[in-house]
Protein backbone atom coordinates (compact mmCIF):
# COMPACT_ATOMS: atom_id res chain seq x y z
CA UNK A 1 31.73 124.88 215.52
CA UNK A 2 30.56 125.91 218.95
CA UNK A 3 28.24 128.90 218.35
CA UNK A 4 25.26 129.17 216.04
CA UNK A 5 24.10 132.69 215.18
CA UNK A 6 20.43 132.92 214.25
CA UNK A 7 18.48 135.64 212.49
CA UNK A 8 14.89 136.06 213.72
CA UNK A 9 12.70 137.35 210.85
CA UNK A 10 12.39 134.76 208.11
CA UNK A 11 14.35 132.15 210.08
CA UNK A 12 12.88 131.65 213.56
CA UNK A 13 9.75 133.67 212.90
CA UNK A 14 7.94 134.20 209.63
CA UNK A 15 9.16 137.16 207.60
CA UNK A 16 6.76 139.73 209.06
CA UNK A 17 7.58 142.49 206.64
CA UNK A 18 7.50 140.43 203.45
CA UNK A 19 4.02 139.04 204.13
CA UNK A 20 2.60 142.21 205.62
CA UNK A 21 3.92 144.44 202.85
CA UNK A 22 2.66 142.05 200.17
CA UNK A 23 -0.80 142.28 201.70
CA UNK A 24 -0.63 146.09 201.85
CA UNK A 25 0.61 146.20 198.24
CA UNK A 26 -2.31 144.07 197.07
CA UNK A 27 -4.97 145.84 199.14
CA UNK A 28 -3.93 149.34 198.00
CA UNK A 29 -2.86 148.29 194.49
CA UNK A 30 0.65 149.69 194.89
CA UNK A 31 3.60 148.04 193.17
CA UNK A 32 5.20 145.59 195.62
CA UNK A 33 8.76 146.60 194.71
CA UNK A 34 7.91 150.24 195.51
CA UNK A 35 6.31 149.23 198.80
CA UNK A 36 9.41 147.23 199.76
CA UNK A 37 11.77 150.01 198.71
CA UNK A 38 9.93 152.58 200.84
CA UNK A 39 9.59 150.07 203.67
CA UNK A 40 13.36 149.55 203.62
CA UNK A 41 14.02 153.24 204.19
CA UNK A 42 11.71 153.43 207.20
CA UNK A 43 12.47 149.95 208.53
CA UNK A 44 16.18 150.68 208.77
CA UNK A 45 15.44 153.62 211.06
CA UNK A 46 12.85 151.75 213.10
CA UNK A 47 14.97 148.59 213.48
CA UNK A 48 17.86 150.73 214.75
CA UNK A 49 15.59 152.36 217.32
CA UNK A 50 16.09 155.78 215.72
CA UNK A 51 12.36 156.38 215.22
CA UNK A 52 9.21 155.21 216.99
CA UNK A 53 6.71 152.71 215.66
CA UNK A 54 4.32 155.60 215.02
CA UNK A 55 6.97 157.46 213.00
CA UNK A 56 7.71 154.27 211.05
CA UNK A 57 4.11 153.80 209.99
CA UNK A 58 3.40 157.48 209.32
CA UNK A 59 6.55 157.87 207.21
CA UNK A 60 5.96 154.66 205.29
CA UNK A 61 2.30 155.44 204.57
CA UNK A 62 3.05 158.99 203.44
CA UNK A 63 5.83 157.84 201.11
CA UNK A 64 3.72 155.13 199.43
CA UNK A 65 0.72 157.44 199.14
CA UNK A 66 -1.68 155.72 201.55
CA UNK A 67 -3.85 158.29 203.27
CA UNK A 68 -5.45 156.00 205.87
CA UNK A 69 -4.73 156.71 209.53
CA UNK A 70 -1.58 154.94 210.74
CA UNK A 71 -3.50 153.43 213.66
CA UNK A 72 -5.13 151.04 211.17
CA UNK A 73 -1.68 149.57 210.49
CA UNK A 74 0.11 149.70 213.82
CA UNK A 75 -1.56 146.55 215.16
CA UNK A 76 -1.13 144.52 211.95
CA UNK A 77 2.14 142.85 212.96
CA UNK A 78 0.81 141.90 216.38
CA UNK A 79 -2.57 140.62 215.24
CA UNK A 80 -1.64 138.87 212.04
CA UNK A 81 2.01 138.64 211.09
CA UNK A 82 4.23 137.83 214.07
CA UNK A 83 4.28 134.06 213.80
CA UNK A 84 6.80 131.40 214.70
CA UNK A 85 8.13 129.08 212.00
CA UNK A 86 6.51 125.74 212.59
CA UNK A 87 8.71 123.23 214.47
CA UNK A 88 11.48 125.79 215.06
CA UNK A 89 11.30 125.78 218.86
CA UNK A 90 11.95 122.02 219.22
CA UNK A 91 14.98 122.43 216.94
CA UNK A 92 16.27 125.37 218.99
CA UNK A 93 15.79 123.39 222.17
CA UNK A 94 17.80 120.48 220.73
CA UNK A 95 20.57 122.72 219.39
CA UNK A 96 20.83 124.71 222.64
CA UNK A 97 21.90 121.54 224.44
CA UNK A 98 24.90 121.06 222.14
CA UNK A 99 25.85 124.60 221.01
CA UNK A 100 25.81 128.16 222.25
CA UNK A 101 23.04 129.98 220.40
CA UNK A 102 23.14 133.71 219.71
CA UNK A 103 20.50 135.91 218.10
CA UNK A 104 21.76 138.33 215.41
CA UNK A 105 18.86 140.29 214.01
CA UNK A 106 17.70 143.54 212.47
CA UNK A 107 14.50 143.88 214.43
CA UNK A 108 12.31 146.44 216.11
CA UNK A 109 12.26 146.34 219.88
CA UNK A 110 8.44 146.37 219.96
CA UNK A 111 7.99 143.45 217.56
CA UNK A 112 10.77 141.44 219.24
CA UNK A 113 9.34 141.96 222.72
CA UNK A 114 5.93 140.81 221.52
CA UNK A 115 7.32 137.73 219.73
CA UNK A 116 9.55 136.80 222.65
CA UNK A 117 6.78 137.19 225.19
CA UNK A 118 4.44 135.09 223.05
CA UNK A 119 6.88 132.32 222.05
CA UNK A 120 9.55 132.46 224.80
CA UNK A 121 12.38 132.46 222.24
CA UNK A 122 15.10 133.97 224.45
CA UNK A 123 15.24 130.92 226.69
CA UNK A 124 17.28 129.11 224.03
CA UNK A 125 19.86 131.85 223.51
CA UNK A 126 22.91 132.84 225.50
CA UNK A 127 23.45 136.21 223.77
CA UNK A 128 21.33 138.60 221.73
CA UNK A 129 22.68 141.08 219.20
CA UNK A 130 19.84 143.26 217.96
CA UNK A 131 19.98 146.26 215.66
CA UNK A 132 17.82 148.19 218.14
CA UNK A 133 20.42 147.75 220.91
CA UNK A 134 23.41 148.73 218.78
CA UNK A 135 21.63 151.24 216.49
CA UNK A 136 23.24 149.43 213.59
CA UNK A 137 22.10 146.93 210.96
CA UNK A 138 23.80 143.61 210.20
CA UNK A 139 24.79 145.04 206.81
CA UNK A 140 26.92 147.66 208.59
CA UNK A 141 29.01 145.00 210.35
CA UNK A 142 28.88 146.32 213.92
CA UNK A 143 26.80 143.40 215.18
CA UNK A 144 29.43 140.95 213.92
CA UNK A 145 32.22 143.04 215.47
CA UNK A 146 30.40 142.80 218.81
CA UNK A 147 29.96 139.03 218.46
CA UNK A 148 33.66 138.57 217.78
CA UNK A 149 34.45 140.32 221.07
CA UNK A 150 32.84 137.29 222.75
CA UNK A 151 33.67 134.31 220.52
CA UNK A 152 36.14 133.29 217.84
CA UNK A 153 35.06 133.56 214.21
CA UNK A 154 36.08 129.97 213.48
CA UNK A 155 33.69 128.78 216.20
CA UNK A 156 30.65 130.42 214.56
CA UNK A 157 28.04 129.47 212.02
CA UNK A 158 25.55 132.15 210.95
CA UNK A 159 22.07 131.22 209.72
CA UNK A 160 20.14 133.89 207.82
CA UNK A 161 17.63 134.16 204.99
CA UNK A 162 19.51 137.09 203.44
CA UNK A 163 22.44 136.32 201.17
CA UNK A 164 23.64 139.92 201.61
CA UNK A 165 23.87 139.49 205.38
CA UNK A 166 25.73 136.21 204.92
CA UNK A 167 28.27 138.04 202.72
CA UNK A 168 28.81 140.63 205.47
CA UNK A 169 29.41 137.87 208.03
CA UNK A 170 31.89 136.22 205.63
CA UNK A 171 33.90 139.47 205.58
CA UNK A 172 34.39 138.91 209.30
CA UNK A 173 35.42 135.29 208.74
CA UNK A 174 32.10 133.87 209.92
CA UNK A 175 30.79 130.96 207.88
CA UNK A 176 27.15 131.22 206.86
CA UNK A 177 24.25 129.01 205.84
CA UNK A 178 21.40 130.33 203.73
CA UNK A 179 18.13 129.43 205.43
CA UNK A 180 15.54 127.81 203.17
CA UNK A 181 13.33 125.97 205.66
CA UNK A 182 13.33 124.27 209.05
CA UNK A 183 13.56 120.76 207.58
CA UNK A 184 16.83 121.52 205.75
CA UNK A 185 18.22 123.11 208.89
CA UNK A 186 17.27 120.06 210.94
CA UNK A 187 19.06 117.83 208.42
CA UNK A 188 22.16 120.02 208.60
CA UNK A 189 22.46 119.33 212.34
CA UNK A 190 21.37 115.69 212.38
């Protein structure tokens, strides 16, 4: 193995959407599964840079029946939910000295730029494959096709907190590891 592919949300950073949507669900007393279902519809568009952050929030709020102004929500990720997983940066620094590290993530450009500016994540990565750049989600396979234009599948290991995304990578011959926590990942590479 020469290349490690990392997801961002839920692996390097906390899962912004899961925590934020749980909080919204509880505050507005809306079923969490409904909130996540509606969020998925709007997130897919936003993460692929097909709609703006404003359109994301307005569409999501309308579909879950929240009548508050979207401006109340737009700063939530930045103020409260974009957080780095504890002790992840030292691990990335260590791994970047031995392997090529690539980012492979379904992410919004706005949230990524904020996280990267705050935590300086990009410094550890040689390549970045984001849904917002390719207008395509990991589940659609295009990001893995693009990766395999640069490296061999047998040289890659993909780390993600989504079993579905790991299955997509496997279809391209890329081995995957389900991310549980930083400690287990550290042990894997020790």
